[in-house]
C-alpha atoms as a PDB file:
ATOM      1  CA  MET A   1       0.000   0.000   0.000  1.00  0.00           C
ATOM      2  CA  ASN A   2       1.012   3.620  -0.448  1.00  0.00           C
ATOM      3  CA  ILE A   3       1.708   5.353   2.829  1.00  0.00           C
ATOM      4  CA  PRO A   4       1.103   9.122   2.973  1.00  0.00           C
ATOM      5  CA  ALA A   5       4.290  11.151   2.741  1.00  0.00           C
ATOM      6  CA  LEU A   6       5.753  12.469   5.964  1.00  0.00           C
ATOM      7  CA  GLN A   7       5.169  16.178   6.505  1.00  0.00           C
ATOM      8  CA  TYR A   8       6.646  18.485   9.109  1.00  0.00           C
ATOM      9  CA  ILE A   9       5.187  21.242  11.205  1.00  0.00           C
ATOM     10  CA  GLU A  10       6.972  23.727  13.443  1.00  0.00           C
ATOM     11  CA  LEU A  11       5.367  23.828  16.895  1.00  0.00           C
ATOM     12  CA  PRO A  12       6.171  25.840  20.031  1.00  0.00           C
ATOM     13  CA  THR A  13       7.390  22.498  21.446  1.00  0.00           C
ATOM     14  CA  GLY A  14       9.622  21.746  18.434  1.00  0.00           C
ATOM     15  CA  ARG A  15       9.443  20.245  14.967  1.00  0.00           C
ATOM     16  CA  MET A  16       7.044  17.337  14.519  1.00  0.00           C
ATOM     17  CA  GLY A  17       6.588  14.862  11.683  1.00  0.00           C
ATOM     18  CA  TYR A  18       3.134  13.617  10.753  1.00  0.00           C
ATOM     19  CA  ARG A  19       1.141  11.911   8.008  1.00  0.00           C
ATOM     20  CA  VAL A  20      -2.366  12.845   6.894  1.00  0.00           C
ATOM     21  CA  CYS A  21      -4.854  11.103   4.622  1.00  0.00           C
ATOM     22  CA  GLY A  22      -8.585  10.925   3.989  1.00  0.00           C
ATOM     23  CA  ASP A  23     -11.569  13.209   4.193  1.00  0.00           C
ATOM     24  CA  GLY A  24     -14.038  13.869   6.985  1.00  0.00           C
ATOM     25  CA  PRO A  25     -13.868  14.757  10.686  1.00  0.00           C
ATOM     26  CA  PRO A  26     -10.341  14.707  12.111  1.00  0.00           C
ATOM     27  CA  LEU A  27      -9.063  11.570  13.817  1.00  0.00           C
ATOM     28  CA  LEU A  28      -5.678  11.802  15.527  1.00  0.00           C
ATOM     29  CA  LEU A  29      -3.594   8.639  16.066  1.00  0.00           C
ATOM     30  CA  ILE A  30      -0.707   8.451  18.563  1.00  0.00           C
ATOM     31  CA  HIS A  31       1.780   5.567  18.379  1.00  0.00           C
ATOM     32  CA  GLY A  32       3.338   3.797  21.338  1.00  0.00           C
ATOM     33  CA  TRP A  33       6.831   3.503  22.843  1.00  0.00           C
ATOM     34  CA  GLY A  34       9.372   2.674  20.152  1.00  0.00           C
ATOM     35  CA  GLY A  35       6.877   3.275  17.351  1.00  0.00           C
ATOM     36  CA  SER A  36       6.055   5.951  14.804  1.00  0.00           C
ATOM     37  CA  SER A  37       3.258   7.083  12.515  1.00  0.00           C
ATOM     38  CA  ARG A  38       4.029   4.018  10.372  1.00  0.00           C
ATOM     39  CA  HIS A  39       2.456   1.771  13.007  1.00  0.00           C
ATOM     40  CA  TRP A  40      -0.936   2.956  11.718  1.00  0.00           C
ATOM     41  CA  LEU A  41      -0.533   1.774   8.115  1.00  0.00           C
ATOM     42  CA  GLY A  42      -3.940   0.121   8.054  1.00  0.00           C
ATOM     43  CA  ALA A  43      -5.676   3.288   9.188  1.00  0.00           C
ATOM     44  CA  PHE A  44      -4.757   5.028   5.954  1.00  0.00           C
ATOM     45  CA  VAL A  45      -6.842   2.447   4.087  1.00  0.00           C
ATOM     46  CA  THR A  46      -9.727   1.837   6.502  1.00  0.00           C
ATOM     47  CA  LEU A  47     -10.314   4.815   8.811  1.00  0.00           C
ATOM     48  CA  ALA A  48      -9.402   7.353   6.106  1.00  0.00           C
ATOM     49  CA  GLU A  49     -12.570   6.350   4.235  1.00  0.00           C
ATOM     50  CA  SER A  50     -14.646   8.326   6.734  1.00  0.00           C
ATOM     51  CA  HIS A  51     -12.126  10.565   8.547  1.00  0.00           C
ATOM     52  CA  THR A  52      -9.197  12.844   7.932  1.00  0.00           C
ATOM     53  CA  VAL A  53      -6.595  10.691   9.656  1.00  0.00           C
ATOM     54  CA  TYR A  54      -3.578  12.343  11.264  1.00  0.00           C
ATOM     55  CA  ALA A  55      -0.778  10.080  12.529  1.00  0.00           C
ATOM     56  CA  ILE A  56       2.097  11.806  14.312  1.00  0.00           C
ATOM     57  CA  ASP A  57       5.673  10.951  15.207  1.00  0.00           C
ATOM     58  CA  MET A  58       5.916  11.980  18.841  1.00  0.00           C
ATOM     59  CA  PRO A  59       9.001  14.002  19.873  1.00  0.00           C
ATOM     60  CA  GLY A  60      12.036  11.713  19.940  1.00  0.00           C
ATOM     61  CA  TYR A  61      10.309   9.001  17.888  1.00  0.00           C
ATOM     62  CA  GLY A  62      10.221   8.228  14.169  1.00  0.00           C
ATOM     63  CA  ASP A  63      11.384  11.287  12.273  1.00  0.00           C
ATOM     64  CA  SER A  64      10.556  13.863  14.951  1.00  0.00           C
ATOM     65  CA  PRO A  65      13.514  15.270  16.887  1.00  0.00           C
ATOM     66  CA  PRO A  66      13.253  15.482  20.679  1.00  0.00           C
ATOM     67  CA  GLY A  67      11.007  18.353  21.719  1.00  0.00           C
ATOM     68  CA  THR A  68      11.682  21.312  23.964  1.00  0.00           C
ATOM     69  CA  SER A  69       9.047  20.143  26.481  1.00  0.00           C
ATOM     70  CA  GLY A  70      10.684  16.760  27.083  1.00  0.00           C
ATOM     71  CA  SER A  71       9.515  13.242  26.277  1.00  0.00           C
ATOM     72  CA  GLY A  72       7.890  12.361  29.574  1.00  0.00           C
ATOM     73  CA  LEU A  73       4.138  12.089  29.846  1.00  0.00           C
ATOM     74  CA  ARG A  74       3.591  15.796  30.451  1.00  0.00           C
ATOM     75  CA  GLY A  75       5.970  16.888  27.687  1.00  0.00           C
ATOM     76  CA  LEU A  76       4.478  14.536  25.096  1.00  0.00           C
ATOM     77  CA  SER A  77       0.979  15.675  26.004  1.00  0.00           C
ATOM     78  CA  LEU A  78       1.968  19.318  25.563  1.00  0.00           C
ATOM     79  CA  ALA A  79       3.420  18.522  22.138  1.00  0.00           C
ATOM     80  CA  VAL A  80       0.200  16.805  21.012  1.00  0.00           C
ATOM     81  CA  LEU A  81      -1.922  19.689  22.300  1.00  0.00           C
ATOM     82  CA  SER A  82       0.334  22.091  20.429  1.00  0.00           C
ATOM     83  CA  PHE A  83      -0.147  20.045  17.242  1.00  0.00           C
ATOM     84  CA  ILE A  84      -3.945  20.106  17.639  1.00  0.00           C
ATOM     85  CA  ASP A  85      -3.990  23.864  18.262  1.00  0.00           C
ATOM     86  CA  THR A  86      -1.561  24.775  15.483  1.00  0.00           C
ATOM     87  CA  LEU A  87      -3.677  22.916  12.915  1.00  0.00           C
ATOM     88  CA  ASN A  88      -6.919  24.350  14.368  1.00  0.00           C
ATOM     89  CA  MET A  89      -8.411  20.876  14.354  1.00  0.00           C
ATOM     90  CA  GLY A  90     -11.591  21.653  16.313  1.00  0.00           C
ATOM     91  CA  SER A  91     -13.556  18.648  17.583  1.00  0.00           C
ATOM     92  CA  ILE A  92     -11.617  15.422  17.103  1.00  0.00           C
ATOM     93  CA  GLY A  93     -11.570  11.695  17.601  1.00  0.00           C
ATOM     94  CA  LEU A  94      -8.447  10.570  19.450  1.00  0.00           C
ATOM     95  CA  CYS A  95      -6.733   7.183  19.563  1.00  0.00           C
ATOM     96  CA  GLY A  96      -3.494   6.134  21.232  1.00  0.00           C
ATOM     97  CA  HIS A  97      -1.533   2.894  21.547  1.00  0.00           C
ATOM     98  CA  SER A  98       0.293   1.913  24.775  1.00  0.00           C
ATOM     99  CA  LEU A  99       2.389   4.970  25.774  1.00  0.00           C
ATOM    100  CA  GLY A 100       0.423   6.880  23.137  1.00  0.00           C
ATOM    101  CA  ALA A 101      -2.781   5.824  24.923  1.00  0.00           C
ATOM    102  CA  ALA A 102      -1.466   7.381  28.142  1.00  0.00           C
ATOM    103  CA  VAL A 103      -0.720  10.567  26.219  1.00  0.00           C
ATOM    104  CA  ALA A 104      -4.168  10.470  24.583  1.00  0.00           C
ATOM    105  CA  LEU A 105      -5.765  10.068  28.012  1.00  0.00           C
ATOM    106  CA  MET A 106      -3.923  13.165  29.252  1.00  0.00           C
ATOM    107  CA  VAL A 107      -4.968  15.159  26.179  1.00  0.00           C
ATOM    108  CA  ALA A 108      -8.607  14.059  26.443  1.00  0.00           C
ATOM    109  CA  ALA A 109      -8.742  14.960  30.135  1.00  0.00           C
ATOM    110  CA  SER A 110      -7.429  18.452  29.435  1.00  0.00           C
ATOM    111  CA  ARG A 111      -9.779  18.999  26.437  1.00  0.00           C
ATOM    112  CA  PRO A 112     -13.062  17.258  27.358  1.00  0.00           C
ATOM    113  CA  ASN A 113     -15.082  19.554  25.097  1.00  0.00           C
ATOM    114  CA  GLN A 114     -12.804  19.021  22.093  1.00  0.00           C
ATOM    115  CA  VAL A 115     -12.207  15.250  22.167  1.00  0.00           C
ATOM    116  CA  GLU A 116     -15.530  13.676  21.182  1.00  0.00           C
ATOM    117  CA  ARG A 117     -14.452  10.037  21.316  1.00  0.00           C
ATOM    118  CA  LEU A 118     -11.377   8.343  22.745  1.00  0.00           C
ATOM    119  CA  ALA A 119      -9.858   4.934  21.967  1.00  0.00           C
ATOM    120  CA  LEU A 120      -7.135   3.470  24.184  1.00  0.00           C
ATOM    121  CA  VAL A 121      -5.341   0.536  22.533  1.00  0.00           C
ATOM    122  CA  SER A 122      -3.192  -1.925  24.521  1.00  0.00           C
ATOM    123  CA  PHE A 123      -3.394   0.057  27.732  1.00  0.00           C
ATOM    124  CA  GLY A 124      -4.561  -0.575  31.272  1.00  0.00           C
ATOM    125  CA  ILE A 125      -4.073   0.329  34.910  1.00  0.00           C
ATOM    126  CA  ALA A 126      -2.976  -1.435  38.064  1.00  0.00           C
ATOM    127  CA  ARG A 127      -5.374  -4.059  39.350  1.00  0.00           C
ATOM    128  CA  SER A 128      -4.515  -3.706  43.030  1.00  0.00           C
ATOM    129  CA  PRO A 129      -2.902  -1.185  45.406  1.00  0.00           C
ATOM    130  CA  GLU A 130       0.179  -3.408  45.570  1.00  0.00           C
ATOM    131  CA  GLU A 131       0.544  -3.455  41.794  1.00  0.00           C
ATOM    132  CA  GLU A 132       0.032   0.314  41.653  1.00  0.00           C
ATOM    133  CA  ALA A 133       2.838   0.771  44.184  1.00  0.00           C
ATOM    134  CA  ARG A 134       5.156  -1.379  42.051  1.00  0.00           C
ATOM    135  CA  TYR A 135       4.287   0.639  38.950  1.00  0.00           C
ATOM    136  CA  ARG A 136       5.037   3.888  40.736  1.00  0.00           C
ATOM    137  CA  GLU A 137       8.346   2.561  42.013  1.00  0.00           C
ATOM    138  CA  MET A 138       9.339   1.460  38.506  1.00  0.00           C
ATOM    139  CA  GLY A 139       8.383   4.852  37.105  1.00  0.00           C
ATOM    140  CA  ALA A 140      10.325   6.682  39.788  1.00  0.00           C
ATOM    141  CA  GLN A 141      13.410   4.588  39.090  1.00  0.00           C
ATOM    142  CA  MET A 142      13.208   5.299  35.368  1.00  0.00           C
ATOM    143  CA  GLY A 143      12.672   9.005  36.101  1.00  0.00           C
ATOM    144  CA  THR A 144      15.815   9.066  38.224  1.00  0.00           C
ATOM    145  CA  ALA A 145      17.746   7.285  35.488  1.00  0.00           C
ATOM    146  CA  ALA A 146      16.522   9.832  32.926  1.00  0.00           C
ATOM    147  CA  THR A 147      17.703  12.706  35.121  1.00  0.00           C
ATOM    148  CA  LEU A 148      21.123  11.146  35.701  1.00  0.00           C
ATOM    149  CA  TRP A 149      21.718  10.154  32.083  1.00  0.00           C
ATOM    150  CA  ALA A 150      20.194  13.226  30.433  1.00  0.00           C
ATOM    151  CA  PRO A 151      23.463  15.233  30.081  1.00  0.00           C
ATOM    152  CA  TRP A 152      25.357  12.326  28.512  1.00  0.00           C
ATOM    153  CA  LEU A 153      22.551  11.185  26.238  1.00  0.00           C
ATOM    154  CA  THR A 154      21.991  14.757  25.056  1.00  0.00           C
ATOM    155  CA  LEU A 155      25.677  15.127  24.199  1.00  0.00           C
ATOM    156  CA  SER A 156      25.672  11.800  22.336  1.00  0.00           C
ATOM    157  CA  ARG A 157      22.758  12.708  20.050  1.00  0.00           C
ATOM    158  CA  PRO A 158      24.900  13.805  17.062  1.00  0.00           C
ATOM    159  CA  TRP A 159      26.848  10.522  17.104  1.00  0.00           C
ATOM    160  CA  LEU A 160      23.668   8.483  17.558  1.00  0.00           C
ATOM    161  CA  ALA A 161      22.089  10.317  14.620  1.00  0.00           C
ATOM    162  CA  LEU A 162      25.046   9.370  12.413  1.00  0.00           C
ATOM    163  CA  SER A 163      24.863   5.729  13.492  1.00  0.00           C
ATOM    164  CA  ARG A 164      21.088   5.494  13.089  1.00  0.00           C
ATOM    165  CA  PRO A 165      21.081   3.964   9.557  1.00  0.00           C
ATOM    166  CA  TRP A 166      23.563   1.312  10.643  1.00  0.00           C
ATOM    167  CA  ARG A 167      21.539   0.449  13.740  1.00  0.00           C
ATOM    168  CA  GLN A 168      18.361   0.207  11.687  1.00  0.00           C
ATOM    169  CA  PHE A 169      20.063  -2.070   9.169  1.00  0.00           C
ATOM    170  CA  ALA A 170      21.586  -4.314  11.837  1.00  0.00           C
ATOM    171  CA  TRP A 171      18.418  -4.582  13.953  1.00  0.00           C
ATOM    172  CA  SER A 172      16.285  -5.297  10.865  1.00  0.00           C
ATOM    173  CA  THR A 173      18.462  -8.221   9.738  1.00  0.00           C
ATOM    174  CA  PRO A 174      16.975 -11.678  10.507  1.00  0.00           C
ATOM    175  CA  PRO A 175      16.717 -13.239  12.998  1.00  0.00           C
ATOM    176  CA  LEU A 176      16.985 -10.086  15.155  1.00  0.00           C
ATOM    177  CA  PRO A 177      13.537  -8.626  14.330  1.00  0.00           C
ATOM    178  CA  ALA A 178      11.702 -11.740  15.526  1.00  0.00           C
ATOM    179  CA  LEU A 179      13.907 -11.994  18.626  1.00  0.00           C
ATOM    180  CA  LEU A 180      13.379  -8.331  19.570  1.00  0.00           C
ATOM    181  CA  ALA A 181       9.645  -8.238  18.869  1.00  0.00           C
ATOM    182  CA  GLY A 182       8.831 -11.726  20.137  1.00  0.00           C
ATOM    183  CA  PRO A 183       8.263 -10.797  23.810  1.00  0.00           C
ATOM    184  CA  MET A 184       5.607  -8.209  22.837  1.00  0.00           C
ATOM    185  CA  LEU A 185       3.752 -10.189  20.176  1.00  0.00           C
ATOM    186  CA  HIS A 186       1.556 -13.257  20.114  1.00  0.00           C
ATOM    187  CA  ARG A 187       1.590 -13.467  16.322  1.00  0.00           C
ATOM    188  CA  ILE A 188       4.711 -12.522  14.383  1.00  0.00           C
ATOM    189  CA  PRO A 189       3.689 -10.435  11.334  1.00  0.00           C
ATOM    190  CA  ASP A 190       5.173 -10.875   7.881  1.00  0.00           C
ATOM    191  CA  ALA A 191       8.780  -9.810   7.440  1.00  0.00           C
ATOM    192  CA  PRO A 192       8.345  -6.335   5.844  1.00  0.00           C
ATOM    193  CA  MET A 193       5.999  -5.081   8.586  1.00  0.00           C
ATOM    194  CA  LEU A 194       8.169  -6.584  11.303  1.00  0.00           C
ATOM    195  CA  ALA A 195      11.316  -4.968   9.881  1.00  0.00           C
ATOM    196  CA  LEU A 196       9.491  -1.628   9.707  1.00  0.00           C
ATOM    197  CA  GLY A 197       8.643  -1.772  13.400  1.00  0.00           C
ATOM    198  CA  ILE A 198      12.175  -2.733  14.389  1.00  0.00           C
ATOM    199  CA  ALA A 199      13.587   0.124  12.307  1.00  0.00           C
ATOM    200  CA  ASP A 200      11.348   2.527  14.247  1.00  0.00           C
ATOM    201  CA  LEU A 201      12.544   1.021  17.512  1.00  0.00           C
ATOM    202  CA  ALA A 202      16.171   1.557  16.487  1.00  0.00           C
ATOM    203  CA  ALA A 203      15.411   5.174  15.525  1.00  0.00           C
ATOM    204  CA  MET A 204      14.009   6.118  18.959  1.00  0.00           C
ATOM    205  CA  ASP A 205      15.950   8.804  20.809  1.00  0.00           C
ATOM    206  CA  ALA A 206      17.741   7.235  23.790  1.00  0.00           C
ATOM    207  CA  LEU A 207      16.667   9.882  26.310  1.00  0.00           C
ATOM    208  CA  ALA A 208      13.107   9.898  24.975  1.00  0.00           C
ATOM    209  CA  SER A 209      12.964   6.137  25.481  1.00  0.00           C
ATOM    210  CA  ILE A 210      13.848   6.436  29.177  1.00  0.00           C
ATOM    211  CA  GLU A 211      11.591   9.445  29.749  1.00  0.00           C
ATOM    212  CA  GLY A 212       8.706   7.652  28.055  1.00  0.00           C
ATOM    213  CA  ALA A 213       9.232   4.533  30.161  1.00  0.00           C
ATOM    214  CA  SER A 214       9.198   6.669  33.303  1.00  0.00           C
ATOM    215  CA  SER A 215       5.485   7.359  32.729  1.00  0.00           C
ATOM    216  CA  THR A 216       4.733   3.968  34.311  1.00  0.00           C
ATOM    217  CA  GLY A 217       2.569   4.586  37.353  1.00  0.00           C
ATOM    218  CA  ASP A 218       2.599   8.361  36.878  1.00  0.00           C
ATOM    219  CA  PRO A 219       0.022   9.911  39.289  1.00  0.00           C
ATOM    220  CA  LEU A 220      -1.021  12.255  36.468  1.00  0.00           C
ATOM    221  CA  LEU A 221      -2.779   9.296  34.824  1.00  0.00           C
ATOM    222  CA  SER A 222      -5.038   8.686  37.821  1.00  0.00           C
ATOM    223  CA  GLN A 223      -6.016  12.341  37.791  1.00  0.00           C
ATOM    224  CA  ALA A 224      -6.696  12.211  34.039  1.00  0.00           C
ATOM    225  CA  ILE A 225      -8.924   9.140  34.344  1.00  0.00           C
ATOM    226  CA  GLY A 226     -11.188  11.015  36.738  1.00  0.00           C
ATOM    227  CA  ARG A 227     -11.606  13.879  34.247  1.00  0.00           C
ATOM    228  CA  THR A 228     -12.229  11.716  31.138  1.00  0.00           C
ATOM    229  CA  LEU A 229     -15.973  11.755  30.505  1.00  0.00           C
ATOM    230  CA  MET A 230     -16.357  11.157  26.744  1.00  0.00           C
ATOM    231  CA  PRO A 231     -17.262   7.749  25.246  1.00  0.00           C
ATOM    232  CA  THR A 232     -14.140   5.591  25.395  1.00  0.00           C
ATOM    233  CA  LEU A 233     -13.139   2.310  23.792  1.00  0.00           C
ATOM    234  CA  VAL A 234     -10.533   0.184  25.585  1.00  0.00           C
ATOM    235  CA  LEU A 235      -9.150  -2.211  22.962  1.00  0.00           C
ATOM    236  CA  GLY A 236      -6.547  -4.872  23.714  1.00  0.00           C
ATOM    237  CA  GLY A 237      -5.166  -8.296  22.924  1.00  0.00           C
ATOM    238  CA  GLN A 238      -6.131 -11.410  24.851  1.00  0.00           C
ATOM    239  CA  GLN A 239      -2.453 -12.442  25.023  1.00  0.00           C
ATOM    240  CA  ASP A 240      -0.977  -8.979  25.687  1.00  0.00           C
ATOM    241  CA  PRO A 241       2.030  -9.512  28.017  1.00  0.00           C
ATOM    242  CA  VAL A 242       2.333  -5.797  28.878  1.00  0.00           C
ATOM    243  CA  PHE A 243      -1.291  -4.862  29.625  1.00  0.00           C
ATOM    244  CA  PRO A 244      -3.299  -8.100  30.042  1.00  0.00           C
ATOM    245  CA  PRO A 245      -7.081  -8.013  29.600  1.00  0.00           C
ATOM    246  CA  SER A 246      -7.706  -7.658  33.340  1.00  0.00           C
ATOM    247  CA  SER A 247      -5.784  -4.366  33.407  1.00  0.00           C
ATOM    248  CA  GLY A 248      -7.936  -3.108  30.526  1.00  0.00           C
ATOM    249  CA  THR A 249     -11.045  -4.142  32.434  1.00  0.00           C
ATOM    250  CA  ALA A 250      -9.793  -2.225  35.478  1.00  0.00           C
ATOM    251  CA  LEU A 251      -9.326   0.862  33.307  1.00  0.00           C
ATOM    252  CA  THR A 252     -12.807   0.488  31.830  1.00  0.00           C
ATOM    253  CA  THR A 253     -14.317   0.304  35.316  1.00  0.00           C
ATOM    254  CA  ALA A 254     -12.435   3.431  36.409  1.00  0.00           C
ATOM    255  CA  LEU A 255     -13.641   5.487  33.427  1.00  0.00           C
ATOM    256  CA  THR A 256     -17.054   7.144  33.317  1.00  0.00           C
ATOM    257  CA  ASP A 257     -18.312   6.001  29.905  1.00  0.00           C
ATOM    258  CA  ALA A 258     -16.212   3.130  28.554  1.00  0.00           C
ATOM    259  CA  TYR A 259     -16.439  -0.384  27.221  1.00  0.00           C
ATOM    260  CA  VAL A 260     -13.778  -2.972  26.471  1.00  0.00           C
ATOM    261  CA  VAL A 261     -13.109  -5.066  23.359  1.00  0.00           C
ATOM    262  CA  THR A 262     -10.585  -7.905  23.522  1.00  0.00           C
ATOM    263  CA  ILE A 263      -9.054  -9.432  20.394  1.00  0.00           C
ATOM    264  CA  ASN A 264      -8.139 -13.109  20.626  1.00  0.00           C
ATOM    265  CA  GLU A 265      -4.832 -14.480  19.343  1.00  0.00           C
ATOM    266  CA  CYS A 266      -3.283 -11.046  19.788  1.00  0.00           C
ATOM    267  CA  GLY A 267      -0.462  -9.586  21.868  1.00  0.00           C
ATOM    268  CA  HIS A 268       0.554  -5.982  22.482  1.00  0.00           C
ATOM    269  CA  ILE A 269       0.278  -4.520  18.968  1.00  0.00           C
ATOM    270  CA  PRO A 270      -3.198  -5.252  17.513  1.00  0.00           C
ATOM    271  CA  MET A 271      -2.666  -2.899  14.527  1.00  0.00           C
ATOM    272  CA  VAL A 272       0.120  -5.218  13.348  1.00  0.00           C
ATOM    273  CA  GLU A 273      -0.926  -8.632  14.672  1.00  0.00           C
ATOM    274  CA  GLN A 274      -4.678  -8.489  13.967  1.00  0.00           C
ATOM    275  CA  PRO A 275      -5.204  -5.426  11.747  1.00  0.00           C
ATOM    276  CA  ALA A 276      -8.618  -6.480  10.408  1.00  0.00           C
ATOM    277  CA  ALA A 277     -10.134  -6.982  13.867  1.00  0.00           C
ATOM    278  CA  CYS A 278      -8.398  -3.897  15.235  1.00  0.00           C
ATOM    279  CA  TYR A 279      -9.546  -1.496  12.534  1.00  0.00           C
ATOM    280  CA  THR A 280     -13.038  -2.988  12.390  1.00  0.00           C
ATOM    281  CA  SER A 281     -13.423  -2.177  16.086  1.00  0.00           C
ATOM    282  CA  LEU A 282     -11.953   1.306  15.726  1.00  0.00           C
ATOM    283  CA  GLY A 283     -13.997   2.049  12.615  1.00  0.00           C
ATOM    284  CA  GLY A 284     -17.209   0.975  14.297  1.00  0.00           C
ATOM    285  CA  PHE A 285     -16.457   3.070  17.377  1.00  0.00           C
ATOM    286  CA  PHE A 286     -15.461   6.280  15.628  1.00  0.00           C
ATOM    287  CA  GLY A 287     -18.203   5.872  13.022  1.00  0.00           C
ATOM    288  CA  LYS A 288     -20.989   6.104  15.597  1.00  0.00           C
END
């Protein structure tokens, strides 16, 4: 299939890459940790039939350089809000995957009158106070690591940029793609799509990767859940090792107006593992 060309926009938070396709009300898609706008390939065929689909590269991911607001949960949310405002998008549908779902939740909570419908893919919350405490401890540890490593990782960015093509080539050479993606997936996709995802993973900014991981257990998410009132779809894989179905059910219960859809024979990336079921669910939800 033909993927829309990458475009760039200058935002107050920095330069951002994005792809746009289709015609109709705007629908904004946010990829997850280690991903890019290319993770939504199927959306440009299915969802673009009824929506103007925007898929972004978050700061520090894909072809977007790290932003001025940082790549933690708050910084990524500010960048997305800046994108929405700069394009004067008006009322929108919003969908995020994994880390992108956390960002989408933050955006929706801050713009309840602008986000009409929200889809959270492969995302959930702690199922017990003990699990929540573990999540917060993990997030705090990653946040400390980001603070300590930030000066060195910032200085190394020029060298890492030069080595990026070599890393993408090496990581995309079999059998590495299957070995790297295996822990996240229940079904390994065909080789071209798998190599594409691994190339995006290799392209991720090192500091952005740590800052994004530090969002685990962030108290801001609990606050956002309480302010998210629009209809919400929680979509996940039955065999997701990161956010199992029970964590999605816990999230659905915590939200005001939400329902859950679980895709069988699917791990953490439904758009890649089960694209037909994934986009059928999303199309039905946003088409209401």
